[in-house]
Amino acid sequence: MQSLATLVLLPVFLGLGTWQVQRAAEKQQLLEAESAATQASPVPVGSLGPTSVPLHARASGRYDEHLFLLDNRVRNRRAGYEVLAPLRITDDEAVLVNLGWVAQGESRGQLPTVGTPTGTVQVTGLAMTPQPPPFELSDRETFAAGWPKVVQTALPGTLEKELGYRLRPVVLYPDGSEVAAHRVEAMHEFGPSRHHAYAAQWFGFAVILMIVYLWHGLHRGKQGRNANWTQ
């Protein structure tokens, strides 16, 4: 029984440790790419396709009055939303700009009042393609009537269905904004060092498991030799 448990648990612990090491490497690459992107000259957002690394981009246009509120965004233990505003760069195309965090009202039924700058604006910031949630109960998001709309994901391909025009496959985080600073802070807080700590924990479990297994094996062997000696 003990051998079976060891055979089952050891690969699990080693696999989880290896996965955390890989996640640490991915986070390090992302941090380096984001640092490099902030120093690079911005490119037109209309030239970008989906991207797994942050890119420095610029866009010019007018904000649409139809806004999305990205749900479950917490700041200092306060529930709230991040405001996603479509910036119309042409008549039939826009890019989502993350305008930052707003607090939730007294109840979820009371949405905050949000607005956008008027007239033609220019936005420069980091552009990234949002990742889908790791766990989804459905492959389709449903929307309540009226605006702004509370949404669970920032996926442009999903949100553009409510707008009637195309969204570029990235979200812009404006340079110098609160939401950009919070994103960097969160990435560093759960950065490579945190994943390395988790990896050490899982590898430690594997070592302890092997020590216990070997100790019990030696103990059983000693008991067997003692039993043979007394016979």
Protein backbone atom coordinates (compact mmCIF):
# COMPACT_ATOMS: atom_id res chain seq x y z
CA MET A 1 0.00 0.00 0.00
CA GLN A 2 2.79 2.39 0.89
CA SER A 3 4.64 1.59 -2.32
CA LEU A 4 1.50 2.30 -4.34
CA ALA A 5 0.98 5.64 -2.58
CA THR A 6 4.61 6.58 -3.26
CA LEU A 7 4.33 5.62 -6.92
CA VAL A 8 1.20 7.78 -7.26
CA LEU A 9 2.28 10.82 -5.23
CA LEU A 10 5.93 11.13 -6.27
CA PRO A 11 5.23 11.92 -9.96
CA VAL A 12 2.51 14.35 -8.85
CA PHE A 13 4.85 16.29 -6.56
CA LEU A 14 7.66 16.31 -9.12
CA GLY A 15 5.25 17.36 -11.88
CA LEU A 16 3.84 20.25 -9.84
CA GLY A 17 7.34 21.41 -8.92
CA THR A 18 8.44 21.33 -12.54
CA TRP A 19 5.31 23.23 -13.60
CA GLN A 20 6.05 25.97 -11.07
CA VAL A 21 9.62 26.27 -12.39
CA GLN A 22 8.21 26.67 -15.90
CA ARG A 23 5.72 29.29 -14.68
CA ALA A 24 8.58 31.20 -13.05
CA ALA A 25 10.46 31.24 -16.35
CA GLU A 26 7.34 32.43 -18.19
CA LYS A 27 6.78 35.22 -15.64
CA GLN A 28 10.40 36.32 -15.93
CA GLN A 29 10.13 36.46 -19.72
CA LEU A 30 6.90 38.45 -19.44
CA LEU A 31 8.45 40.95 -17.02
CA GLU A 32 11.44 41.41 -19.29
CA ALA A 33 9.20 41.82 -22.35
CA GLU A 34 7.04 44.39 -20.56
CA SER A 35 10.09 46.35 -19.43
CA ALA A 36 11.45 46.34 -22.99
CA ALA A 37 8.05 47.35 -24.42
CA THR A 38 7.81 50.46 -22.24
CA GLN A 39 11.13 51.66 -23.69
CA ALA A 40 10.21 50.93 -27.31
CA SER A 41 8.64 53.41 -29.71
CA PRO A 42 4.85 52.87 -29.90
CA VAL A 43 3.42 51.29 -33.03
CA PRO A 44 -0.08 51.91 -34.41
CA VAL A 45 -2.56 49.68 -32.62
CA GLY A 46 -4.24 48.98 -35.96
CA SER A 47 -1.16 47.05 -37.04
CA LEU A 48 -1.30 44.62 -34.11
CA GLY A 49 -2.72 41.15 -34.13
CA PRO A 50 -3.13 38.88 -31.10
CA THR A 51 0.00 38.98 -28.96
CA SER A 52 1.14 36.93 -25.97
CA VAL A 53 3.70 39.57 -24.95
CA PRO A 54 3.08 43.25 -24.18
CA LEU A 55 3.77 45.73 -26.95
CA HIS A 56 3.96 49.51 -26.86
CA ALA A 57 1.19 50.90 -29.04
CA ARG A 58 -0.66 54.11 -29.80
CA ALA A 59 -4.19 54.86 -30.92
CA SER A 60 -6.16 57.96 -31.81
CA GLY A 61 -9.92 58.32 -31.92
CA ARG A 62 -13.09 59.07 -29.99
CA TYR A 63 -14.46 57.08 -27.09
CA ASP A 64 -17.74 55.27 -27.59
CA GLU A 65 -20.38 55.90 -24.93
CA HIS A 66 -20.95 52.15 -24.58
CA LEU A 67 -18.73 50.97 -21.73
CA PHE A 68 -17.95 47.62 -20.13
CA LEU A 69 -17.27 47.05 -16.44
CA LEU A 70 -14.85 44.18 -15.86
CA ASP A 71 -16.12 42.45 -12.74
CA ASN A 72 -14.33 41.17 -9.62
CA ARG A 73 -11.50 43.71 -9.54
CA VAL A 74 -10.38 44.32 -5.94
CA ARG A 75 -8.34 47.28 -4.67
CA ASN A 76 -7.40 47.57 -1.00
CA ARG A 77 -10.01 44.93 -0.13
CA ARG A 78 -12.75 46.91 -1.88
CA ALA A 79 -14.78 45.28 -4.63
CA GLY A 80 -15.07 47.11 -7.89
CA TYR A 81 -14.69 47.09 -11.64
CA GLU A 82 -12.18 48.07 -14.30
CA VAL A 83 -13.66 50.32 -16.98
CA LEU A 84 -13.17 49.10 -20.55
CA ALA A 85 -13.91 51.83 -23.08
CA PRO A 86 -13.98 51.26 -26.86
CA LEU A 87 -11.86 53.88 -28.62
CA ARG A 88 -13.16 54.25 -32.18
CA ILE A 89 -10.10 54.39 -34.42
CA THR A 90 -12.20 54.10 -37.61
CA ASP A 91 -15.93 54.06 -38.30
CA ASP A 92 -16.06 50.26 -38.07
CA GLU A 93 -13.21 49.43 -35.72
CA ALA A 94 -12.12 50.24 -32.16
CA VAL A 95 -9.68 49.18 -29.48
CA LEU A 96 -10.55 48.61 -25.84
CA VAL A 97 -8.79 50.99 -23.44
CA ASN A 98 -8.66 50.11 -19.75
CA LEU A 99 -9.48 53.41 -18.03
CA GLY A 100 -8.87 52.11 -14.51
CA TRP A 101 -10.69 51.00 -11.41
CA VAL A 102 -13.99 52.22 -9.96
CA ALA A 103 -15.59 51.07 -6.70
CA GLN A 104 -18.71 48.96 -6.65
CA GLY A 105 -21.89 50.69 -5.49
CA GLU A 106 -23.76 49.91 -2.29
CA SER A 107 -25.12 46.83 -4.04
CA ARG A 108 -24.32 44.94 -7.22
CA GLY A 109 -27.55 46.26 -8.68
CA GLN A 110 -26.28 49.83 -8.33
CA LEU A 111 -23.66 50.35 -11.02
CA PRO A 112 -21.15 53.18 -10.70
CA THR A 113 -21.48 56.25 -12.89
CA VAL A 114 -18.55 56.39 -15.30
CA GLY A 115 -17.64 58.66 -18.16
CA THR A 116 -14.95 59.10 -20.79
CA PRO A 117 -12.99 62.04 -22.20
CA THR A 118 -14.77 63.81 -25.05
CA GLY A 119 -13.41 64.71 -28.45
CA THR A 120 -10.50 63.13 -30.26
CA VAL A 121 -7.89 61.70 -27.92
CA GLN A 122 -4.55 59.99 -28.34
CA VAL A 123 -3.68 57.03 -26.13
CA THR A 124 -0.27 55.44 -25.77
CA GLY A 125 0.24 52.38 -23.63
CA LEU A 126 0.96 48.68 -23.36
CA ALA A 127 -1.18 46.49 -25.58
CA MET A 128 -1.91 42.90 -24.64
CA THR A 129 -4.32 40.22 -25.72
CA PRO A 130 -6.39 39.21 -22.67
CA GLN A 131 -6.20 35.61 -21.58
CA PRO A 132 -9.44 33.68 -21.13
CA PRO A 133 -10.35 32.66 -17.57
CA PRO A 134 -8.78 29.33 -16.52
CA PHE A 135 -12.21 27.94 -15.60
CA GLU A 136 -15.38 28.74 -17.49
CA LEU A 137 -18.80 27.26 -16.81
CA SER A 138 -19.88 28.16 -20.33
CA ASP A 139 -18.18 29.12 -23.56
CA ARG A 140 -20.61 32.02 -24.01
CA GLU A 141 -20.95 35.10 -21.83
CA THR A 142 -24.42 36.52 -21.34
CA PHE A 143 -25.06 40.24 -21.06
CA ALA A 144 -27.73 42.17 -19.21
CA ALA A 145 -29.69 44.86 -20.99
CA GLY A 146 -28.54 48.47 -20.82
CA TRP A 147 -25.18 50.16 -20.46
CA PRO A 148 -22.61 50.00 -18.99
CA LYS A 149 -22.48 46.21 -19.13
CA VAL A 150 -20.86 44.13 -16.40
CA VAL A 151 -18.63 41.49 -17.98
CA GLN A 152 -16.51 38.65 -16.65
CA THR A 153 -13.81 38.73 -19.34
CA ALA A 154 -12.09 41.39 -21.42
CA LEU A 155 -11.92 39.25 -24.55
CA PRO A 156 -12.44 41.62 -27.52
CA GLY A 157 -13.85 38.84 -29.69
CA THR A 158 -16.64 38.32 -27.16
CA LEU A 159 -17.39 41.96 -26.34
CA GLU A 160 -17.50 43.17 -29.94
CA LYS A 161 -20.71 41.20 -30.45
CA GLU A 162 -22.49 43.73 -28.23
CA LEU A 163 -21.11 46.72 -30.12
CA GLY A 164 -21.81 45.94 -33.74
CA TYR A 165 -18.29 46.75 -34.94
CA ARG A 166 -14.86 45.15 -34.73
CA LEU A 167 -12.52 45.37 -31.78
CA ARG A 168 -8.78 44.99 -32.19
CA PRO A 169 -7.59 41.80 -30.39
CA VAL A 170 -5.76 43.72 -27.67
CA VAL A 171 -6.51 45.92 -24.66
CA LEU A 172 -4.56 49.14 -24.10
CA TYR A 173 -3.24 50.02 -20.63
CA PRO A 174 -2.39 53.75 -20.85
CA ASP A 175 1.11 54.84 -19.89
CA GLY A 176 1.29 56.30 -16.39
CA SER A 177 -2.21 55.18 -15.44
CA GLU A 178 -3.24 53.61 -12.14
CA VAL A 179 -4.36 50.42 -13.83
CA ALA A 180 -0.99 50.02 -15.61
CA ALA A 181 0.88 50.55 -12.33
CA HIS A 182 -1.37 48.06 -10.54
CA ARG A 183 -0.81 45.48 -13.25
CA VAL A 184 2.97 45.77 -12.88
CA GLU A 185 2.70 45.65 -9.07
CA ALA A 186 0.54 42.52 -9.23
CA MET A 187 2.95 40.84 -11.64
CA HIS A 188 5.89 41.50 -9.32
CA GLU A 189 3.91 40.42 -6.25
CA PHE A 190 3.17 37.07 -7.86
CA GLY A 191 6.38 36.99 -9.87
CA PRO A 192 9.10 34.41 -10.46
CA SER A 193 10.18 34.29 -6.80
CA ARG A 194 6.71 33.20 -5.69
CA HIS A 195 6.69 30.39 -8.26
CA HIS A 196 10.20 29.32 -7.19
CA ALA A 197 8.97 29.14 -3.59
CA TYR A 198 6.05 26.94 -4.63
CA ALA A 199 8.41 24.75 -6.67
CA ALA A 200 10.69 24.31 -3.64
CA GLN A 201 7.64 23.32 -1.61
CA TRP A 202 6.55 20.61 -4.05
CA PHE A 203 10.08 19.26 -4.48
CA GLY A 204 10.38 19.28 -0.68
CA PHE A 205 7.26 17.13 -0.43
CA ALA A 206 8.84 14.70 -2.90
CA VAL A 207 12.02 14.48 -0.82
CA ILE A 208 10.06 13.93 2.40
CA LEU A 209 7.97 11.27 0.69
CA MET A 210 11.11 9.38 -0.40
CA ILE A 211 12.69 9.70 3.06
CA VAL A 212 9.56 8.28 4.70
CA TYR A 213 9.38 5.50 2.13
CA LEU A 214 13.03 4.51 2.61
CA TRP A 215 12.78 4.74 6.40
CA HIS A 216 9.78 2.44 6.47
CA GLY A 217 11.55 0.08 4.08
CA LEU A 218 14.60 -0.10 6.32
CA HIS A 219 12.40 -0.47 9.40
CA ARG A 220 10.49 -3.37 7.85
CA GLY A 221 13.75 -4.97 6.78
CA LYS A 222 15.16 -4.69 10.30
CA GLN A 223 11.98 -6.19 11.77
CA GLY A 224 12.23 -9.06 9.30
CA ARG A 225 15.84 -9.78 10.25
CA ASN A 226 14.96 -9.67 13.94
CA ALA A 227 12.09 -12.09 13.40
CA ASN A 228 14.37 -14.52 11.55
CA TRP A 229 16.99 -14.26 14.33
CA THR A 230 14.52 -15.16 17.06
CA GLN A 231 13.17 -18.19 15.24
